């Protein structure tokens, strides 16, 4: 069974090839049902997540080789004897949550399943011809959502979680820093919520243009210098009630408090380098301006709502570019180039057009 692995840690963009990270296909034993409540899926698409290059860099400290991927869609091929609660059957088109909270530990029992002590128990790499997941991790795709679009379920769940954390009220002024898939999906949700002065801060012109087609009212190029004045002008000098930092850039993380309204909220929704320490002025941020800052870990309690949202979102810009699994290295190169907001890997060619 073909599976994509990280076989060497390092920056995928390192000009020194000897230091560059490496992903490649390896042949492993095909996954089989060994637990009665699991389901075997023939993988269609697995999207490259922004966290995947971080995995290759080695920031998570996992031993090599590391099996890759978690944004999965596919078709059910076998159902365990006790996997009966969701009515899944062979032929069902599904996507899902790559992690399964146990429901038993103290975190799960206290509405904090993102911290579940056993959430990796049924984890299975998605850049593979087959995956086997617990039935509770899987959701049937709506009939009007393709398998290509279906692999966006996990990113949509993240955007849903971010929306939950914003506690947005209709009419709030909202800015999003970073025009990657999470930023763009969250932008669409903020538009649904009735956000005003909806602004995307993004250096790539094509992504700023895409944002306008997805509901943004303003865009800002942060590379033109200090964009604080431009952002504040959009809000009449008051700042944004909600600011979402989804770029993962150190400079952006430190800059967004300057464009947040007094009493406003900042959601740090990206992954930052392990050694990054952000300078803060507590007297300005917490005393004078009473800002609230929060983060996002995983997507607890969002997947059923994310499934319902799939047909309502414009997912086509995120699923245009894909590669066959044998071309995974090229797929990662394209992802790192930034030309496309999302790059997918097709794991079984016979599911290409479903």
Protein backbone atom coordinates (compact mmCIF):
# COMPACT_ATOMS: atom_id res chain seq x y z
CA UNK A 1 0.00 0.00 0.00
CA UNK A 2 1.40 3.38 -1.02
CA UNK A 3 1.80 5.88 1.81
CA UNK A 4 3.55 9.25 1.90
CA UNK A 5 6.26 9.57 4.56
CA UNK A 6 8.59 12.27 5.71
CA UNK A 7 11.94 10.49 5.57
CA UNK A 8 14.21 13.42 6.33
CA UNK A 9 13.69 16.46 8.54
CA UNK A 10 14.51 19.92 7.27
CA UNK A 11 13.06 23.00 5.63
CA UNK A 12 11.53 22.04 2.28
CA UNK A 13 12.77 25.37 0.86
CA UNK A 14 16.36 25.15 2.12
CA UNK A 15 18.67 26.13 -0.76
CA UNK A 16 21.17 23.57 0.51
CA UNK A 17 19.79 20.29 -0.79
CA UNK A 18 21.76 18.33 1.81
CA UNK A 19 19.73 20.06 4.55
CA UNK A 20 16.36 20.03 2.79
CA UNK A 21 13.49 17.97 4.18
CA UNK A 22 12.20 15.06 2.12
CA UNK A 23 8.82 13.40 1.48
CA UNK A 24 8.43 10.24 -0.56
CA UNK A 25 6.15 7.28 -1.15
CA UNK A 26 6.89 4.06 0.69
CA UNK A 27 5.18 0.70 0.39
CA UNK A 28 3.67 -0.61 3.64
CA UNK A 29 1.22 -3.32 4.59
CA UNK A 30 -2.35 -2.43 3.72
CA UNK A 31 -4.43 -1.28 6.69
CA UNK A 32 -6.99 -3.80 7.87
CA UNK A 33 -9.89 -3.74 10.31
CA UNK A 34 -8.66 -5.12 13.62
CA UNK A 35 -11.17 -3.34 15.87
CA UNK A 36 -14.87 -4.13 15.48
CA UNK A 37 -15.87 -0.44 15.63
CA UNK A 38 -13.55 0.71 12.84
CA UNK A 39 -14.21 1.36 9.16
CA UNK A 40 -11.85 0.88 6.22
CA UNK A 41 -11.81 3.69 3.67
CA UNK A 42 -10.32 3.80 0.21
CA UNK A 43 -8.75 7.22 0.20
CA UNK A 44 -9.64 9.61 -2.59
CA UNK A 45 -7.98 12.90 -1.72
CA UNK A 46 -5.76 14.09 1.08
CA UNK A 47 -5.01 17.80 1.16
CA UNK A 48 -1.66 19.20 2.24
CA UNK A 49 -2.16 21.14 5.47
CA UNK A 50 0.00 24.07 6.53
CA UNK A 51 1.12 21.93 9.45
CA UNK A 52 2.55 19.22 7.14
CA UNK A 53 5.69 21.21 6.19
CA UNK A 54 6.15 21.90 9.91
CA UNK A 55 6.10 18.13 10.43
CA UNK A 56 8.81 17.78 7.80
CA UNK A 57 10.83 20.52 9.52
CA UNK A 58 10.74 18.40 12.69
CA UNK A 59 9.15 20.92 15.06
CA UNK A 60 6.94 18.22 16.60
CA UNK A 61 9.90 16.03 17.51
CA UNK A 62 8.45 12.84 16.04
CA UNK A 63 10.80 10.00 15.04
CA UNK A 64 11.39 9.26 11.36
CA UNK A 65 9.89 8.07 9.12
CA UNK A 66 6.64 9.97 9.73
CA UNK A 67 3.48 8.99 7.84
CA UNK A 68 1.79 12.14 6.54
CA UNK A 69 -1.65 13.64 6.02
CA UNK A 70 -4.98 14.11 7.80
CA UNK A 71 -7.39 16.09 5.55
CA UNK A 72 -9.07 13.09 3.99
CA UNK A 73 -12.00 12.09 1.80
CA UNK A 74 -12.75 8.62 0.49
CA UNK A 75 -15.16 5.75 0.01
CA UNK A 76 -16.09 3.11 2.59
CA UNK A 77 -14.97 -0.38 1.54
CA UNK A 78 -15.44 -2.37 4.75
CA UNK A 79 -17.29 -1.87 8.02
CA UNK A 80 -16.43 -3.52 11.33
CA UNK A 81 -18.99 -5.81 12.96
CA UNK A 82 -19.87 -3.28 15.66
CA UNK A 83 -19.50 -0.11 13.55
CA UNK A 84 -23.25 0.26 13.29
CA UNK A 85 -24.13 3.52 15.04
CA UNK A 86 -23.84 5.78 11.97
CA UNK A 87 -25.31 3.42 9.41
CA UNK A 88 -22.16 3.45 7.31
CA UNK A 89 -21.95 0.94 4.49
CA UNK A 90 -19.58 0.11 1.61
CA UNK A 91 -19.82 2.72 -1.11
CA UNK A 92 -20.58 5.64 1.19
CA UNK A 93 -18.61 8.77 0.40
CA UNK A 94 -17.07 10.09 3.63
CA UNK A 95 -14.64 12.52 5.22
CA UNK A 96 -13.70 12.88 8.83
CA UNK A 97 -11.76 13.89 11.89
CA UNK A 98 -8.28 12.39 11.94
CA UNK A 99 -8.44 12.26 15.76
CA UNK A 100 -10.97 10.57 18.01
CA UNK A 101 -11.53 11.99 21.50
CA UNK A 102 -12.04 9.15 23.94
CA UNK A 103 -15.05 10.66 25.73
CA UNK A 104 -13.83 9.20 29.04
CA UNK A 105 -10.85 11.20 30.30
CA UNK A 106 -11.29 14.25 32.52
CA UNK A 107 -10.80 16.66 29.62
CA UNK A 108 -13.47 15.01 27.47
CA UNK A 109 -15.89 14.90 30.38
CA UNK A 110 -15.34 18.61 31.04
CA UNK A 111 -16.08 19.92 27.54
CA UNK A 112 -12.40 20.16 26.58
CA UNK A 113 -11.98 17.22 24.24
CA UNK A 114 -9.25 19.07 22.30
CA UNK A 115 -6.97 18.14 25.20
CA UNK A 116 -8.06 14.47 25.27
CA UNK A 117 -5.28 12.33 26.72
CA UNK A 118 -6.04 9.47 24.29
CA UNK A 119 -7.04 11.30 21.09
CA UNK A 120 -4.36 9.65 18.99
CA UNK A 121 -5.58 6.12 19.63
CA UNK A 122 -7.24 5.70 16.21
CA UNK A 123 -5.06 8.15 14.28
CA UNK A 124 -4.18 6.92 10.81
CA UNK A 125 -2.15 8.77 8.15
CA UNK A 126 -4.27 10.14 5.32
CA UNK A 127 -1.77 10.31 2.45
CA UNK A 128 -2.27 6.63 1.90
CA UNK A 129 -4.29 4.36 -0.37
CA UNK A 130 -6.37 3.17 2.58
CA UNK A 131 -7.11 4.40 6.08
CA UNK A 132 -8.89 2.68 8.95
CA UNK A 133 -10.69 4.97 11.39
CA UNK A 134 -13.15 4.55 14.22
CA UNK A 135 -16.72 5.03 12.95
CA UNK A 136 -17.17 8.03 15.23
CA UNK A 137 -14.52 9.89 13.21
CA UNK A 138 -16.44 9.62 9.94
CA UNK A 139 -19.20 11.67 8.34
CA UNK A 140 -21.14 11.03 5.15
CA UNK A 141 -20.63 13.73 2.57
CA UNK A 142 -23.65 15.61 1.20
CA UNK A 143 -24.64 14.39 -2.27
CA UNK A 144 -23.77 17.76 -3.82
CA UNK A 145 -20.23 17.79 -2.41
CA UNK A 146 -17.53 16.05 -4.45
CA UNK A 147 -14.77 13.93 -2.96
CA UNK A 148 -12.33 16.68 -3.92
CA UNK A 149 -14.36 19.21 -1.97
CA UNK A 150 -14.97 16.68 0.80
CA UNK A 151 -11.32 16.58 1.84
CA UNK A 152 -11.85 20.18 2.95
CA UNK A 153 -14.05 19.02 5.85
CA UNK A 154 -11.19 19.15 8.35
CA UNK A 155 -10.09 22.68 7.35
CA UNK A 156 -13.73 23.81 7.45
CA UNK A 157 -13.97 22.37 10.96
CA UNK A 158 -10.96 24.50 11.94
CA UNK A 159 -12.61 27.62 10.49
CA UNK A 160 -15.77 26.73 12.39
CA UNK A 161 -13.78 26.45 15.60
CA UNK A 162 -12.19 29.84 14.95
CA UNK A 163 -15.64 31.33 14.40
CA UNK A 164 -16.75 29.81 17.71
CA UNK A 165 -13.80 31.41 19.49
CA UNK A 166 -14.51 34.88 18.08
CA UNK A 167 -17.95 35.10 19.75
CA UNK A 168 -18.75 37.52 16.94
CA UNK A 169 -21.83 39.70 17.05
CA UNK A 170 -23.64 40.90 13.93
CA UNK A 171 -22.03 44.12 12.72
CA UNK A 172 -18.64 43.56 14.35
CA UNK A 173 -15.72 44.87 12.33
CA UNK A 174 -13.45 41.94 11.47
CA UNK A 175 -9.92 41.64 10.06
CA UNK A 176 -8.18 38.43 9.04
CA UNK A 177 -4.41 38.27 8.74
CA UNK A 178 -3.32 35.60 6.29
CA UNK A 179 -4.98 34.45 3.07
CA UNK A 180 -4.28 30.73 3.28
CA UNK A 181 -7.11 28.18 3.26
CA UNK A 182 -7.96 28.69 6.93
CA UNK A 183 -7.99 32.46 6.56
CA UNK A 184 -10.16 32.29 3.42
CA UNK A 185 -12.61 29.79 4.88
CA UNK A 186 -12.89 31.82 8.06
CA UNK A 187 -13.47 34.93 5.96
CA UNK A 188 -16.49 33.23 4.36
CA UNK A 189 -17.87 32.31 7.78
CA UNK A 190 -17.35 35.83 9.11
CA UNK A 191 -19.27 37.12 6.10
CA UNK A 192 -22.13 34.75 6.98
CA UNK A 193 -22.09 36.11 10.53
CA UNK A 194 -22.66 39.66 9.27
CA UNK A 195 -19.16 41.03 9.82
CA UNK A 196 -18.59 44.60 8.66
CA UNK A 197 -15.41 46.25 7.37
CA UNK A 198 -14.36 42.67 6.57
CA UNK A 199 -10.67 42.96 5.68
CA UNK A 200 -8.01 40.49 4.57
CA UNK A 201 -4.32 41.29 5.20
CA UNK A 202 -2.28 39.26 2.72
CA UNK A 203 0.91 39.88 0.66
CA UNK A 204 -0.03 37.74 -2.39
CA UNK A 205 -2.08 39.81 -4.86
CA UNK A 206 -3.99 36.83 -6.30
CA UNK A 207 -5.17 35.87 -2.84
CA UNK A 208 -6.29 39.41 -2.09
CA UNK A 209 -8.29 39.29 -5.31
CA UNK A 210 -9.78 35.92 -4.36
CA UNK A 211 -10.74 37.31 -0.95
CA UNK A 212 -12.80 40.05 -2.58
CA UNK A 213 -14.74 37.41 -4.50
CA UNK A 214 -15.37 35.50 -1.26
CA UNK A 215 -16.85 38.42 0.64
CA UNK A 216 -14.02 40.68 1.76
CA UNK A 217 -14.78 44.39 1.57
CA UNK A 218 -11.17 45.52 1.87
CA UNK A 219 -7.71 44.02 1.43
CA UNK A 220 -4.31 45.22 2.64
CA UNK A 221 -0.84 44.34 1.39
CA UNK A 222 1.31 44.15 4.56
CA UNK A 223 4.54 44.36 2.55
CA UNK A 224 3.89 48.00 1.71
CA UNK A 225 5.17 48.96 5.14
CA UNK A 226 3.40 49.62 8.41
CA UNK A 227 -0.20 48.86 7.52
CA UNK A 228 -1.60 50.04 10.86
CA UNK A 229 -2.84 53.39 9.53
CA UNK A 230 -4.52 51.79 6.50
CA UNK A 231 -6.28 49.26 8.74
CA UNK A 232 -7.41 51.89 11.22
CA UNK A 233 -8.68 54.14 8.43
CA UNK A 234 -11.01 51.33 7.33
CA UNK A 235 -12.60 51.36 10.79
CA UNK A 236 -12.75 55.12 11.24
CA UNK A 237 -9.75 55.00 13.54
CA UNK A 238 -11.37 52.65 16.07
CA UNK A 239 -9.83 49.32 15.10
CA UNK A 240 -11.47 45.94 14.55
CA UNK A 241 -13.57 44.28 17.24
CA UNK A 242 -12.32 40.88 16.05
CA UNK A 243 -8.89 40.17 14.55
CA UNK A 244 -7.93 36.66 13.42
CA UNK A 245 -4.23 35.96 12.88
CA UNK A 246 -4.06 33.01 10.48
CA UNK A 247 -0.77 33.64 8.68
CA UNK A 248 1.69 32.17 11.15
CA UNK A 249 4.11 35.04 10.40
CA UNK A 250 6.06 36.38 13.37
CA UNK A 251 5.65 39.96 12.19
CA UNK A 252 1.88 39.57 11.84
CA UNK A 253 1.49 37.98 15.26
CA UNK A 254 3.15 40.96 16.90
CA UNK A 255 1.36 43.56 14.74
CA UNK A 256 -2.32 42.62 15.06
CA UNK A 257 -2.84 44.14 18.55
CA UNK A 258 -2.18 47.55 16.96
CA UNK A 259 -5.29 47.25 14.75
CA UNK A 260 -7.60 45.77 17.39
CA UNK A 261 -10.30 47.98 18.91
CA UNK A 262 -10.32 48.70 22.62
CA UNK A 263 -12.04 45.79 24.32
CA UNK A 264 -11.52 43.70 21.18
CA UNK A 265 -10.56 40.06 20.66
CA UNK A 266 -7.59 38.50 18.89
CA UNK A 267 -7.68 34.84 17.84
CA UNK A 268 -4.25 33.38 17.11
CA UNK A 269 -5.29 30.65 14.68
CA UNK A 270 -1.94 29.69 13.15
CA UNK A 271 1.09 27.65 14.11
CA UNK A 272 4.28 29.52 14.99
CA UNK A 273 7.91 28.43 15.31
CA UNK A 274 8.78 26.79 18.62
CA UNK A 275 11.37 29.46 19.41
CA UNK A 276 9.09 32.44 18.71
CA UNK A 277 8.44 34.66 21.71
CA UNK A 278 6.12 37.56 21.03
CA UNK A 279 6.87 40.88 22.74
CA UNK A 280 3.87 42.28 24.59
CA UNK A 281 3.18 45.45 26.51
CA UNK A 282 0.76 44.35 29.26
CA UNK A 283 -0.03 47.93 30.26
CA UNK A 284 -1.13 48.76 26.70
CA UNK A 285 -2.74 45.46 25.72
CA UNK A 286 -4.45 44.39 28.92
CA UNK A 287 -4.75 47.53 31.02
CA UNK A 288 -5.36 50.45 28.68
CA UNK A 289 -7.09 48.52 25.88
CA UNK A 290 -8.53 45.47 27.68
CA UNK A 291 -7.77 43.17 24.75
CA UNK A 292 -8.56 39.48 24.93
CA UNK A 293 -6.21 36.99 23.25
CA UNK A 294 -6.93 33.34 22.62
CA UNK A 295 -5.74 30.45 20.47
CA UNK A 296 -7.10 27.39 18.72
CA UNK A 297 -6.14 23.75 19.26
CA UNK A 298 -7.94 21.25 17.03
CA UNK A 299 -11.67 21.46 16.30
CA UNK A 300 -13.77 20.09 19.16
CA UNK A 301 -17.53 19.82 18.66
CA UNK A 302 -17.43 21.30 15.15
CA UNK A 303 -17.54 18.46 12.61
CA UNK A 304 -21.33 17.95 12.34
CA UNK A 305 -21.74 21.69 11.72
CA UNK A 306 -18.80 21.73 9.30
CA UNK A 307 -20.44 18.96 7.24
CA UNK A 308 -23.61 21.04 7.02
CA UNK A 309 -21.55 24.06 5.91
CA UNK A 310 -19.73 22.30 3.05
CA UNK A 311 -22.44 22.96 0.42
CA UNK A 312 -22.72 26.61 1.50
CA UNK A 313 -19.04 27.47 1.07
CA UNK A 314 -17.11 28.18 -2.09
CA UNK A 315 -14.54 25.38 -1.93
CA UNK A 316 -13.56 25.29 -5.60
CA UNK A 317 -10.56 27.65 -5.27
CA UNK A 318 -9.02 25.25 -2.75
CA UNK A 319 -9.34 22.01 -4.71
CA UNK A 320 -8.23 22.97 -8.22
CA UNK A 321 -4.66 21.69 -8.00
CA UNK A 322 -3.87 18.06 -7.23
CA UNK A 323 -1.19 15.45 -7.86
CA UNK A 324 -1.18 11.68 -7.89
CA UNK A 325 0.31 10.08 -4.81
CA UNK A 326 3.49 9.04 -6.67
CA UNK A 327 4.15 12.73 -7.32
CA UNK A 328 3.93 13.73 -3.65
CA UNK A 329 7.31 15.50 -3.64
CA UNK A 330 6.18 17.73 -6.51
CA UNK A 331 2.91 18.35 -4.68
CA UNK A 332 4.79 19.61 -1.62
CA UNK A 333 7.02 21.79 -3.82
CA UNK A 334 3.93 23.38 -5.36
CA UNK A 335 2.38 23.88 -1.94
CA UNK A 336 5.51 25.66 -0.73
CA UNK A 337 5.51 27.89 -3.81
CA UNK A 338 2.25 29.52 -2.72
CA UNK A 339 0.71 29.80 -6.19
CA UNK A 340 -2.32 27.77 -5.13
CA UNK A 341 -4.20 28.26 -1.86
CA UNK A 342 -4.38 24.48 -1.45
CA UNK A 343 -2.74 21.43 -3.03
CA UNK A 344 -4.28 17.94 -2.87
CA UNK A 345 -2.88 14.44 -3.29
CA UNK A 346 -5.02 11.89 -5.14
CA UNK A 347 -4.39 8.54 -3.48
CA UNK A 348 -6.46 6.29 -5.79
CA UNK A 349 -6.83 7.26 -9.44
CA UNK A 350 -10.16 5.46 -9.90
CA UNK A 351 -11.77 7.94 -7.46
CA UNK A 352 -10.50 10.98 -9.36
CA UNK A 353 -13.83 12.23 -10.71
CA UNK A 354 -16.24 11.30 -7.93
